[in-house]
């Protein structure tokens, strides 16, 4: 589990965090995490490039979504930063264009898991996302080459699907879009060498 960097923290501590760290605030505790290594960043970037054109831009798909990388979400005093989040525009969610954060709960979000953060993402962030009203959550594990799909129910999250390796899948809420999971995984260096597990993600 990620240890808090400071107790009794406020949003001022988030603002003052080093630029090379992702700062989150949960239950009055400040959590600082380094920017992700290549497999984590590659999975998040690839997924954004896959989902964005048809759903954010409406190119080859229905459009109707606002999809953002690492948006800062404010749920009361909590400040959370998922790897990706999307708001369905048909839900008439108004996003404030004058601030650098969002108070409306996303319809969907994705967390890319790291060995050092997976418990924090699962045990601390997932319940807060549920309480805020997020409808769909994907957990992407770039080391295990796996994707877990969760759907919100009244009492908690329901596991709606689990996929892995080189499957080609269609996953709610982006039905109609084929996702080749192999596009998310990095397994080799640019020089052809295999990336060791202990150097993939912090």
C-alpha atoms as a PDB file:
ATOM      1  CA  UNK A   1       0.000   0.000   0.000  1.00  0.00           C
ATOM      2  CA  UNK A   2       1.230   3.502  -0.790  1.00  0.00           C
ATOM      3  CA  UNK A   3       2.120   5.327   2.423  1.00  0.00           C
ATOM      4  CA  UNK A   4       0.809   8.864   2.891  1.00  0.00           C
ATOM      5  CA  UNK A   5       3.403  11.594   2.502  1.00  0.00           C
ATOM      6  CA  UNK A   6       1.547  13.837   4.948  1.00  0.00           C
ATOM      7  CA  UNK A   7      -1.378  13.618   7.340  1.00  0.00           C
ATOM      8  CA  UNK A   8      -3.925  16.399   7.895  1.00  0.00           C
ATOM      9  CA  UNK A   9      -3.103  17.613   4.399  1.00  0.00           C
ATOM     10  CA  UNK A  10      -5.082  20.135   2.353  1.00  0.00           C
ATOM     11  CA  UNK A  11      -5.390  21.043  -1.305  1.00  0.00           C
ATOM     12  CA  UNK A  12      -2.554  23.500  -0.821  1.00  0.00           C
ATOM     13  CA  UNK A  13      -0.283  20.494  -0.294  1.00  0.00           C
ATOM     14  CA  UNK A  14      -1.476  19.039  -3.607  1.00  0.00           C
ATOM     15  CA  UNK A  15      -0.700  22.307  -5.382  1.00  0.00           C
ATOM     16  CA  UNK A  16       2.728  22.495  -3.746  1.00  0.00           C
ATOM     17  CA  UNK A  17       3.722  18.942  -4.720  1.00  0.00           C
ATOM     18  CA  UNK A  18       6.799  18.525  -6.948  1.00  0.00           C
ATOM     19  CA  UNK A  19       6.030  18.627 -10.657  1.00  0.00           C
ATOM     20  CA  UNK A  20       7.476  15.138 -11.174  1.00  0.00           C
ATOM     21  CA  UNK A  21       4.981  13.595  -8.727  1.00  0.00           C
ATOM     22  CA  UNK A  22       1.288  12.737  -8.992  1.00  0.00           C
ATOM     23  CA  UNK A  23      -0.362  14.173  -5.865  1.00  0.00           C
ATOM     24  CA  UNK A  24      -3.633  12.830  -4.481  1.00  0.00           C
ATOM     25  CA  UNK A  25      -5.574  13.672  -1.331  1.00  0.00           C
ATOM     26  CA  UNK A  26      -7.773  11.069   0.341  1.00  0.00           C
ATOM     27  CA  UNK A  27      -9.351  11.271   3.791  1.00  0.00           C
ATOM     28  CA  UNK A  28      -7.006  14.102   4.705  1.00  0.00           C
ATOM     29  CA  UNK A  29      -3.870  12.176   3.701  1.00  0.00           C
ATOM     30  CA  UNK A  30      -1.517  13.326   0.947  1.00  0.00           C
ATOM     31  CA  UNK A  31      -0.180  10.611  -1.366  1.00  0.00           C
ATOM     32  CA  UNK A  32       2.708  11.277  -3.746  1.00  0.00           C
ATOM     33  CA  UNK A  33       3.619   8.910  -6.548  1.00  0.00           C
ATOM     34  CA  UNK A  34       6.368   9.242  -9.164  1.00  0.00           C
ATOM     35  CA  UNK A  35       5.426   9.540 -12.807  1.00  0.00           C
ATOM     36  CA  UNK A  36       4.987   6.029 -14.242  1.00  0.00           C
ATOM     37  CA  UNK A  37       7.567   3.995 -16.111  1.00  0.00           C
ATOM     38  CA  UNK A  38       7.222   2.983 -19.744  1.00  0.00           C
ATOM     39  CA  UNK A  39       4.809  -0.002 -19.582  1.00  0.00           C
ATOM     40  CA  UNK A  40       2.360   1.913 -17.394  1.00  0.00           C
ATOM     41  CA  UNK A  41       2.534   5.072 -19.513  1.00  0.00           C
ATOM     42  CA  UNK A  42       2.352   3.057 -22.739  1.00  0.00           C
ATOM     43  CA  UNK A  43      -0.795   1.183 -21.684  1.00  0.00           C
ATOM     44  CA  UNK A  44      -2.557   4.392 -20.637  1.00  0.00           C
ATOM     45  CA  UNK A  45      -1.495   6.279 -23.769  1.00  0.00           C
ATOM     46  CA  UNK A  46      -2.434   3.442 -26.113  1.00  0.00           C
ATOM     47  CA  UNK A  47      -5.842   3.061 -24.519  1.00  0.00           C
ATOM     48  CA  UNK A  48      -6.481   6.779 -24.862  1.00  0.00           C
ATOM     49  CA  UNK A  49      -5.514   6.629 -28.532  1.00  0.00           C
ATOM     50  CA  UNK A  50      -7.857   3.684 -29.081  1.00  0.00           C
ATOM     51  CA  UNK A  51     -10.914   5.069 -27.289  1.00  0.00           C
ATOM     52  CA  UNK A  52     -10.432   8.752 -28.053  1.00  0.00           C
ATOM     53  CA  UNK A  53     -10.984   8.983 -31.846  1.00  0.00           C
ATOM     54  CA  UNK A  54     -14.336   7.143 -32.016  1.00  0.00           C
ATOM     55  CA  UNK A  55     -15.815   8.358 -28.733  1.00  0.00           C
ATOM     56  CA  UNK A  56     -14.178  11.721 -27.999  1.00  0.00           C
ATOM     57  CA  UNK A  57     -13.739  12.965 -31.577  1.00  0.00           C
ATOM     58  CA  UNK A  58     -16.496  10.981 -33.289  1.00  0.00           C
ATOM     59  CA  UNK A  59     -14.095   9.678 -35.951  1.00  0.00           C
ATOM     60  CA  UNK A  60     -15.145   6.163 -36.869  1.00  0.00           C
ATOM     61  CA  UNK A  61     -17.510   6.040 -33.922  1.00  0.00           C
ATOM     62  CA  UNK A  62     -20.484   7.692 -32.223  1.00  0.00           C
ATOM     63  CA  UNK A  63     -18.690  10.516 -30.410  1.00  0.00           C
ATOM     64  CA  UNK A  64     -20.562  11.982 -27.485  1.00  0.00           C
ATOM     65  CA  UNK A  65     -17.810  11.702 -24.876  1.00  0.00           C
ATOM     66  CA  UNK A  66     -15.163  13.887 -23.257  1.00  0.00           C
ATOM     67  CA  UNK A  67     -12.128  11.693 -22.525  1.00  0.00           C
ATOM     68  CA  UNK A  68      -9.081  13.072 -20.714  1.00  0.00           C
ATOM     69  CA  UNK A  69      -5.679  11.859 -19.534  1.00  0.00           C
ATOM     70  CA  UNK A  70      -4.972  12.158 -15.793  1.00  0.00           C
ATOM     71  CA  UNK A  71      -7.791  14.581 -14.910  1.00  0.00           C
ATOM     72  CA  UNK A  72      -7.769  15.951 -11.374  1.00  0.00           C
ATOM     73  CA  UNK A  73     -11.053  14.917  -9.750  1.00  0.00           C
ATOM     74  CA  UNK A  74     -12.383  16.715  -6.674  1.00  0.00           C
ATOM     75  CA  UNK A  75     -14.906  14.727  -4.624  1.00  0.00           C
ATOM     76  CA  UNK A  76     -15.512  16.862  -1.574  1.00  0.00           C
ATOM     77  CA  UNK A  77     -12.114  17.268   0.102  1.00  0.00           C
ATOM     78  CA  UNK A  78     -10.644  14.293  -1.755  1.00  0.00           C
ATOM     79  CA  UNK A  79      -8.475  14.804  -4.835  1.00  0.00           C
ATOM     80  CA  UNK A  80      -7.909  11.787  -7.073  1.00  0.00           C
ATOM     81  CA  UNK A  81      -6.104  11.421 -10.403  1.00  0.00           C
ATOM     82  CA  UNK A  82      -7.053   8.384 -12.520  1.00  0.00           C
ATOM     83  CA  UNK A  83      -4.990   7.546 -15.583  1.00  0.00           C
ATOM     84  CA  UNK A  84      -7.966   8.140 -17.903  1.00  0.00           C
ATOM     85  CA  UNK A  85     -11.528   9.321 -17.398  1.00  0.00           C
ATOM     86  CA  UNK A  86     -14.512   9.955 -19.628  1.00  0.00           C
ATOM     87  CA  UNK A  87     -17.773  11.847 -19.282  1.00  0.00           C
ATOM     88  CA  UNK A  88     -20.765  10.922 -21.450  1.00  0.00           C
ATOM     89  CA  UNK A  89     -22.093  14.217 -22.807  1.00  0.00           C
ATOM     90  CA  UNK A  90     -25.664  12.878 -23.026  1.00  0.00           C
ATOM     91  CA  UNK A  91     -25.692  12.886 -19.220  1.00  0.00           C
ATOM     92  CA  UNK A  92     -25.695  16.706 -19.441  1.00  0.00           C
ATOM     93  CA  UNK A  93     -22.598  16.973 -17.264  1.00  0.00           C
ATOM     94  CA  UNK A  94     -21.276  20.520 -17.306  1.00  0.00           C
ATOM     95  CA  UNK A  95     -17.493  20.686 -17.058  1.00  0.00           C
ATOM     96  CA  UNK A  96     -16.150  23.968 -15.713  1.00  0.00           C
ATOM     97  CA  UNK A  97     -13.708  25.328 -18.280  1.00  0.00           C
ATOM     98  CA  UNK A  98     -12.239  27.919 -15.922  1.00  0.00           C
ATOM     99  CA  UNK A  99     -10.581  25.558 -13.426  1.00  0.00           C
ATOM    100  CA  UNK A 100      -7.926  22.857 -13.628  1.00  0.00           C
ATOM    101  CA  UNK A 101     -10.021  20.191 -11.925  1.00  0.00           C
ATOM    102  CA  UNK A 102     -13.393  18.470 -12.228  1.00  0.00           C
ATOM    103  CA  UNK A 103     -16.123  17.984  -9.634  1.00  0.00           C
ATOM    104  CA  UNK A 104     -18.534  15.968 -11.813  1.00  0.00           C
ATOM    105  CA  UNK A 105     -17.988  12.224 -11.462  1.00  0.00           C
ATOM    106  CA  UNK A 106     -16.837  10.592 -14.710  1.00  0.00           C
ATOM    107  CA  UNK A 107     -19.048   8.003 -16.347  1.00  0.00           C
ATOM    108  CA  UNK A 108     -15.965   5.817 -16.848  1.00  0.00           C
ATOM    109  CA  UNK A 109     -12.395   5.788 -15.671  1.00  0.00           C
ATOM    110  CA  UNK A 110      -9.321   3.620 -15.934  1.00  0.00           C
ATOM    111  CA  UNK A 111      -6.538   2.982 -13.462  1.00  0.00           C
ATOM    112  CA  UNK A 112      -3.323   1.389 -14.746  1.00  0.00           C
ATOM    113  CA  UNK A 113      -1.947  -0.685 -11.884  1.00  0.00           C
ATOM    114  CA  UNK A 114       1.632  -0.619 -10.626  1.00  0.00           C
ATOM    115  CA  UNK A 115       3.129  -2.992  -8.032  1.00  0.00           C
ATOM    116  CA  UNK A 116       3.510  -0.115  -5.590  1.00  0.00           C
ATOM    117  CA  UNK A 117       0.007   1.303  -6.087  1.00  0.00           C
ATOM    118  CA  UNK A 118      -2.332  -1.617  -6.856  1.00  0.00           C
ATOM    119  CA  UNK A 119      -3.533  -1.975  -3.245  1.00  0.00           C
ATOM    120  CA  UNK A 120      -4.060   1.770  -2.966  1.00  0.00           C
ATOM    121  CA  UNK A 121      -6.020   1.803  -6.220  1.00  0.00           C
ATOM    122  CA  UNK A 122      -8.157  -1.164  -5.188  1.00  0.00           C
ATOM    123  CA  UNK A 123      -8.677  -0.608  -1.472  1.00  0.00           C
ATOM    124  CA  UNK A 124      -8.749   3.164  -1.160  1.00  0.00           C
ATOM    125  CA  UNK A 125      -9.623   4.669  -4.540  1.00  0.00           C
ATOM    126  CA  UNK A 126     -12.232   2.203  -5.810  1.00  0.00           C
ATOM    127  CA  UNK A 127     -14.608   2.738  -2.847  1.00  0.00           C
ATOM    128  CA  UNK A 128     -14.294   6.512  -3.246  1.00  0.00           C
ATOM    129  CA  UNK A 129     -15.062   6.272  -6.954  1.00  0.00           C
ATOM    130  CA  UNK A 130     -18.177   4.250  -6.115  1.00  0.00           C
ATOM    131  CA  UNK A 131     -19.320   6.778  -3.520  1.00  0.00           C
ATOM    132  CA  UNK A 132     -18.861   9.583  -6.065  1.00  0.00           C
ATOM    133  CA  UNK A 133     -21.125   7.842  -8.594  1.00  0.00           C
ATOM    134  CA  UNK A 134     -18.659   6.613 -11.227  1.00  0.00           C
ATOM    135  CA  UNK A 135     -20.460   3.988 -13.354  1.00  0.00           C
ATOM    136  CA  UNK A 136     -17.624   2.007 -14.962  1.00  0.00           C
ATOM    137  CA  UNK A 137     -14.029   1.319 -13.888  1.00  0.00           C
ATOM    138  CA  UNK A 138     -11.324  -0.570 -15.759  1.00  0.00           C
ATOM    139  CA  UNK A 139      -8.212  -1.807 -13.976  1.00  0.00           C
ATOM    140  CA  UNK A 140      -5.402  -2.419 -16.454  1.00  0.00           C
ATOM    141  CA  UNK A 141      -2.359  -4.403 -15.336  1.00  0.00           C
ATOM    142  CA  UNK A 142       0.492  -3.946 -17.849  1.00  0.00           C
ATOM    143  CA  UNK A 143       2.722  -6.507 -16.114  1.00  0.00           C
ATOM    144  CA  UNK A 144       0.126  -9.268 -15.977  1.00  0.00           C
ATOM    145  CA  UNK A 145      -1.295  -8.222 -19.367  1.00  0.00           C
ATOM    146  CA  UNK A 146      -4.782  -8.185 -17.881  1.00  0.00           C
ATOM    147  CA  UNK A 147      -7.874  -5.972 -17.758  1.00  0.00           C
ATOM    148  CA  UNK A 148     -10.599  -6.149 -15.098  1.00  0.00           C
ATOM    149  CA  UNK A 149     -13.925  -4.478 -15.879  1.00  0.00           C
ATOM    150  CA  UNK A 150     -16.200  -3.252 -13.080  1.00  0.00           C
ATOM    151  CA  UNK A 151     -19.764  -1.967 -13.199  1.00  0.00           C
ATOM    152  CA  UNK A 152     -21.317   0.057 -10.418  1.00  0.00           C
ATOM    153  CA  UNK A 153     -24.102  -1.543  -8.394  1.00  0.00           C
ATOM    154  CA  UNK A 154     -25.900  -0.062  -5.418  1.00  0.00           C
ATOM    155  CA  UNK A 155     -23.882  -1.970  -2.841  1.00  0.00           C
ATOM    156  CA  UNK A 156     -20.510  -1.942  -4.589  1.00  0.00           C
ATOM    157  CA  UNK A 157     -18.614  -2.880  -7.712  1.00  0.00           C
ATOM    158  CA  UNK A 158     -19.610  -5.892  -9.805  1.00  0.00           C
ATOM    159  CA  UNK A 159     -16.906  -7.645 -11.826  1.00  0.00           C
ATOM    160  CA  UNK A 160     -18.388  -7.487 -15.329  1.00  0.00           C
ATOM    161  CA  UNK A 161     -15.473  -9.103 -17.143  1.00  0.00           C
ATOM    162  CA  UNK A 162     -11.814 -10.102 -17.053  1.00  0.00           C
ATOM    163  CA  UNK A 163      -9.607 -10.218 -20.140  1.00  0.00           C
ATOM    164  CA  UNK A 164      -5.944 -10.902 -20.780  1.00  0.00           C
ATOM    165  CA  UNK A 165      -3.016 -11.251 -23.150  1.00  0.00           C
ATOM    166  CA  UNK A 166      -3.877 -10.864 -26.848  1.00  0.00           C
ATOM    167  CA  UNK A 167      -7.691 -11.034 -26.640  1.00  0.00           C
ATOM    168  CA  UNK A 168      -9.784  -8.797 -28.856  1.00  0.00           C
ATOM    169  CA  UNK A 169     -12.656  -7.455 -26.775  1.00  0.00           C
ATOM    170  CA  UNK A 170     -15.589  -5.054 -26.676  1.00  0.00           C
ATOM    171  CA  UNK A 171     -16.013  -3.603 -23.215  1.00  0.00           C
ATOM    172  CA  UNK A 172     -18.747  -1.449 -21.684  1.00  0.00           C
ATOM    173  CA  UNK A 173     -19.289   1.444 -21.865  1.00  0.00           C
ATOM    174  CA  UNK A 174     -17.568   1.478 -25.273  1.00  0.00           C
ATOM    175  CA  UNK A 175     -19.550  -1.246 -27.007  1.00  0.00           C
ATOM    176  CA  UNK A 176     -18.938  -1.484 -30.731  1.00  0.00           C
ATOM    177  CA  UNK A 177     -15.229  -0.730 -30.364  1.00  0.00           C
ATOM    178  CA  UNK A 178     -12.849  -3.651 -30.803  1.00  0.00           C
ATOM    179  CA  UNK A 179      -9.832  -3.354 -28.534  1.00  0.00           C
ATOM    180  CA  UNK A 180      -6.806  -5.534 -29.250  1.00  0.00           C
ATOM    181  CA  UNK A 181      -5.293  -5.907 -25.806  1.00  0.00           C
ATOM    182  CA  UNK A 182      -1.875  -6.697 -27.267  1.00  0.00           C
ATOM    183  CA  UNK A 183      -1.720  -3.034 -28.333  1.00  0.00           C
ATOM    184  CA  UNK A 184      -1.503  -2.071 -24.636  1.00  0.00           C
ATOM    185  CA  UNK A 185       1.492  -4.155 -23.628  1.00  0.00           C
ATOM    186  CA  UNK A 186       5.196  -3.325 -23.862  1.00  0.00           C
ATOM    187  CA  UNK A 187       7.429  -6.396 -23.759  1.00  0.00           C
ATOM    188  CA  UNK A 188      10.619  -5.355 -25.555  1.00  0.00           C
ATOM    189  CA  UNK A 189      13.114  -2.545 -25.496  1.00  0.00           C
ATOM    190  CA  UNK A 190      13.631  -0.384 -28.549  1.00  0.00           C
ATOM    191  CA  UNK A 191      16.960  -2.194 -29.000  1.00  0.00           C
ATOM    192  CA  UNK A 192      15.174  -5.553 -29.063  1.00  0.00           C
ATOM    193  CA  UNK A 193      16.006  -6.601 -25.500  1.00  0.00           C
ATOM    194  CA  UNK A 194      13.276  -7.760 -23.132  1.00  0.00           C
ATOM    195  CA  UNK A 195      12.285  -5.344 -20.364  1.00  0.00           C
ATOM    196  CA  UNK A 196      12.902  -6.944 -16.968  1.00  0.00           C
ATOM    197  CA  UNK A 197       9.926  -7.051 -14.624  1.00  0.00           C
ATOM    198  CA  UNK A 198      11.714  -5.125 -11.892  1.00  0.00           C
ATOM    199  CA  UNK A 199      12.427  -2.192 -14.203  1.00  0.00           C
ATOM    200  CA  UNK A 200       9.018  -1.941 -15.809  1.00  0.00           C
ATOM    201  CA  UNK A 201       7.064  -0.051 -13.162  1.00  0.00           C
ATOM    202  CA  UNK A 202       7.889   1.527  -9.836  1.00  0.00           C
END
